Amino acid sequence: MAAFADEIPRFDVETQCEMVASIGGEFSNVTYNGCIQMEQSAYNRLKSEWASIPGGVRRQCEEVATVTGSGSYSTLGGCIEMETQAADNRQSFSFD
């Protein structure tokens, strides 16, 4: 978890990517390297916009991103994107 609200959380990306790369029993260097690159890219995007993301969205999505334990910046970024879009496009329903 982040020490300060305006700081992006620190996740154990190496452990997350090792877990992903080991799915299926055999460790895959291709999957691991791709995972690390994807996480780095997501982290870089989030770092520049983190302070402007509403606190409630940050907290909710940080919980989602750490559901596996070690955390994922790509999951965090995806969650933030979906939450932001959902807030901008609230659906109305009719239960007639």
C-alpha atoms as a PDB file:
ATOM      1  CA  MET A   1       0.000   0.000   0.000  1.00  0.00           C
ATOM      2  CA  ALA A   2       1.099   3.557  -0.628  1.00  0.00           C
ATOM      3  CA  ALA A   3       2.563   5.487   2.264  1.00  0.00           C
ATOM      4  CA  PHE A   4       0.863   8.686   1.118  1.00  0.00           C
ATOM      5  CA  ALA A   5      -2.375   9.061  -0.837  1.00  0.00           C
ATOM      6  CA  ASP A   6      -0.656  10.935  -3.659  1.00  0.00           C
ATOM      7  CA  GLU A   7       1.984   8.240  -4.175  1.00  0.00           C
ATOM      8  CA  ILE A   8       1.371   5.313  -6.476  1.00  0.00           C
ATOM      9  CA  PRO A   9       1.306   2.047  -4.507  1.00  0.00           C
ATOM     10  CA  ARG A  10       4.321  -0.248  -4.583  1.00  0.00           C
ATOM     11  CA  PHE A  11       3.542  -3.736  -5.833  1.00  0.00           C
ATOM     12  CA  ASP A  12       5.768  -6.824  -5.924  1.00  0.00           C
ATOM     13  CA  VAL A  13       5.624  -7.130  -9.713  1.00  0.00           C
ATOM     14  CA  GLU A  14       8.388  -9.726  -9.903  1.00  0.00           C
ATOM     15  CA  THR A  15       6.419 -12.139  -7.711  1.00  0.00           C
ATOM     16  CA  GLN A  16       3.230 -11.441  -9.660  1.00  0.00           C
ATOM     17  CA  CYS A  17       4.955 -12.115 -12.981  1.00  0.00           C
ATOM     18  CA  GLU A  18       6.673 -15.250 -11.655  1.00  0.00           C
ATOM     19  CA  MET A  19       3.250 -16.560 -10.632  1.00  0.00           C
ATOM     20  CA  VAL A  20       1.785 -15.786 -14.063  1.00  0.00           C
ATOM     21  CA  ALA A  21       4.796 -17.266 -15.873  1.00  0.00           C
ATOM     22  CA  SER A  22       4.484 -20.493 -13.870  1.00  0.00           C
ATOM     23  CA  ILE A  23       0.842 -21.193 -14.720  1.00  0.00           C
ATOM     24  CA  GLY A  24       0.701 -24.619 -16.295  1.00  0.00           C
ATOM     25  CA  GLY A  25       3.604 -25.989 -14.283  1.00  0.00           C
ATOM     26  CA  GLU A  26       6.539 -24.907 -16.458  1.00  0.00           C
ATOM     27  CA  PHE A  27       8.161 -21.488 -16.045  1.00  0.00           C
ATOM     28  CA  SER A  28       7.998 -19.412 -19.238  1.00  0.00           C
ATOM     29  CA  ASN A  29      10.653 -16.726 -19.741  1.00  0.00           C
ATOM     30  CA  VAL A  30       8.625 -15.278 -22.630  1.00  0.00           C
ATOM     31  CA  THR A  31       5.581 -14.865 -20.399  1.00  0.00           C
ATOM     32  CA  TYR A  32       7.666 -13.483 -17.520  1.00  0.00           C
ATOM     33  CA  ASN A  33       9.444 -10.909 -19.697  1.00  0.00           C
ATOM     34  CA  GLY A  34       6.180  -9.887 -21.363  1.00  0.00           C
ATOM     35  CA  CYS A  35       4.533  -9.525 -17.974  1.00  0.00           C
ATOM     36  CA  ILE A  36       7.361  -7.349 -16.637  1.00  0.00           C
ATOM     37  CA  GLN A  37       7.205  -5.126 -19.738  1.00  0.00           C
ATOM     38  CA  MET A  38       3.421  -4.796 -19.448  1.00  0.00           C
ATOM     39  CA  GLU A  39       3.639  -3.951 -15.742  1.00  0.00           C
ATOM     40  CA  GLN A  40       6.395  -1.371 -16.347  1.00  0.00           C
ATOM     41  CA  SER A  41       4.349   0.290 -19.081  1.00  0.00           C
ATOM     42  CA  ALA A  42       1.244   0.392 -16.872  1.00  0.00           C
ATOM     43  CA  TYR A  43       3.284   1.779 -13.952  1.00  0.00           C
ATOM     44  CA  ASN A  44       4.752   4.531 -16.136  1.00  0.00           C
ATOM     45  CA  ARG A  45       1.272   5.600 -17.319  1.00  0.00           C
ATOM     46  CA  LEU A  46      -0.183   5.548 -13.814  1.00  0.00           C
ATOM     47  CA  LYS A  47       2.727   7.405 -12.241  1.00  0.00           C
ATOM     48  CA  SER A  48       2.089  10.522 -14.310  1.00  0.00           C
ATOM     49  CA  GLU A  49      -1.658  10.654 -13.586  1.00  0.00           C
ATOM     50  CA  TRP A  50      -1.930   9.140 -10.090  1.00  0.00           C
ATOM     51  CA  ALA A  51      -2.472  12.392  -8.164  1.00  0.00           C
ATOM     52  CA  SER A  52      -5.396  13.370 -10.426  1.00  0.00           C
ATOM     53  CA  ILE A  53      -7.316  10.102  -9.919  1.00  0.00           C
ATOM     54  CA  PRO A  54     -10.119  10.431  -7.335  1.00  0.00           C
ATOM     55  CA  GLY A  55      -9.209   8.910  -3.975  1.00  0.00           C
ATOM     56  CA  GLY A  56     -12.198   6.573  -3.886  1.00  0.00           C
ATOM     57  CA  VAL A  57     -11.294   5.136  -7.278  1.00  0.00           C
ATOM     58  CA  ARG A  58      -7.656   4.712  -6.214  1.00  0.00           C
ATOM     59  CA  ARG A  59      -8.635   2.870  -3.031  1.00  0.00           C
ATOM     60  CA  GLN A  60     -11.183   0.613  -4.749  1.00  0.00           C
ATOM     61  CA  CYS A  61      -8.856  -0.252  -7.603  1.00  0.00           C
ATOM     62  CA  GLU A  62      -5.866  -0.820  -5.342  1.00  0.00           C
ATOM     63  CA  GLU A  63      -7.945  -3.471  -3.554  1.00  0.00           C
ATOM     64  CA  VAL A  64      -8.838  -5.060  -6.902  1.00  0.00           C
ATOM     65  CA  ALA A  65      -5.210  -4.948  -8.089  1.00  0.00           C
ATOM     66  CA  THR A  66      -3.932  -6.739  -4.982  1.00  0.00           C
ATOM     67  CA  VAL A  67      -6.534  -9.508  -4.825  1.00  0.00           C
ATOM     68  CA  THR A  68      -3.843 -12.057  -5.794  1.00  0.00           C
ATOM     69  CA  GLY A  69      -1.548 -10.755  -3.061  1.00  0.00           C
ATOM     70  CA  SER A  70       1.400  -9.188  -4.865  1.00  0.00           C
ATOM     71  CA  GLY A  71      -0.401  -6.600  -7.003  1.00  0.00           C
ATOM     72  CA  SER A  72      -0.557  -5.673 -10.655  1.00  0.00           C
ATOM     73  CA  TYR A  73      -0.193  -2.224 -12.210  1.00  0.00           C
ATOM     74  CA  SER A  74      -1.927  -3.376 -15.386  1.00  0.00           C
ATOM     75  CA  THR A  75      -4.920  -4.548 -13.336  1.00  0.00           C
ATOM     76  CA  LEU A  76      -4.840  -1.286 -11.386  1.00  0.00           C
ATOM     77  CA  GLY A  77      -4.795   0.749 -14.594  1.00  0.00           C
ATOM     78  CA  GLY A  78      -7.593  -1.270 -16.156  1.00  0.00           C
ATOM     79  CA  CYS A  79      -9.743  -0.887 -13.066  1.00  0.00           C
ATOM     80  CA  ILE A  80      -9.165   2.877 -12.944  1.00  0.00           C
ATOM     81  CA  GLU A  81     -10.044   3.196 -16.614  1.00  0.00           C
ATOM     82  CA  MET A  82     -13.277   1.226 -16.190  1.00  0.00           C
ATOM     83  CA  GLU A  83     -14.271   3.067 -12.998  1.00  0.00           C
ATOM     84  CA  THR A  84     -13.653   6.441 -14.636  1.00  0.00           C
ATOM     85  CA  GLN A  85     -15.641   5.508 -17.737  1.00  0.00           C
ATOM     86  CA  ALA A  86     -18.479   4.127 -15.626  1.00  0.00           C
ATOM     87  CA  ALA A  87     -18.661   7.345 -13.607  1.00  0.00           C
ATOM     88  CA  ASP A  88     -18.854   9.363 -16.822  1.00  0.00           C
ATOM     89  CA  ASN A  89     -21.527   7.119 -18.383  1.00  0.00           C
ATOM     90  CA  ARG A  90     -23.970   6.152 -15.675  1.00  0.00           C
ATOM     91  CA  GLN A  91     -26.571   3.779 -16.970  1.00  0.00           C
ATOM     92  CA  SER A  92     -30.240   4.272 -16.288  1.00  0.00           C
ATOM     93  CA  PHE A  93     -32.468   1.263 -15.921  1.00  0.00           C
ATOM     94  CA  SER A  94     -36.202   0.772 -16.005  1.00  0.00           C
ATOM     95  CA  PHE A  95     -37.629  -2.102 -14.029  1.00  0.00           C
ATOM     96  CA  ASP A  96     -41.139  -1.924 -15.481  1.00  0.00           C
END
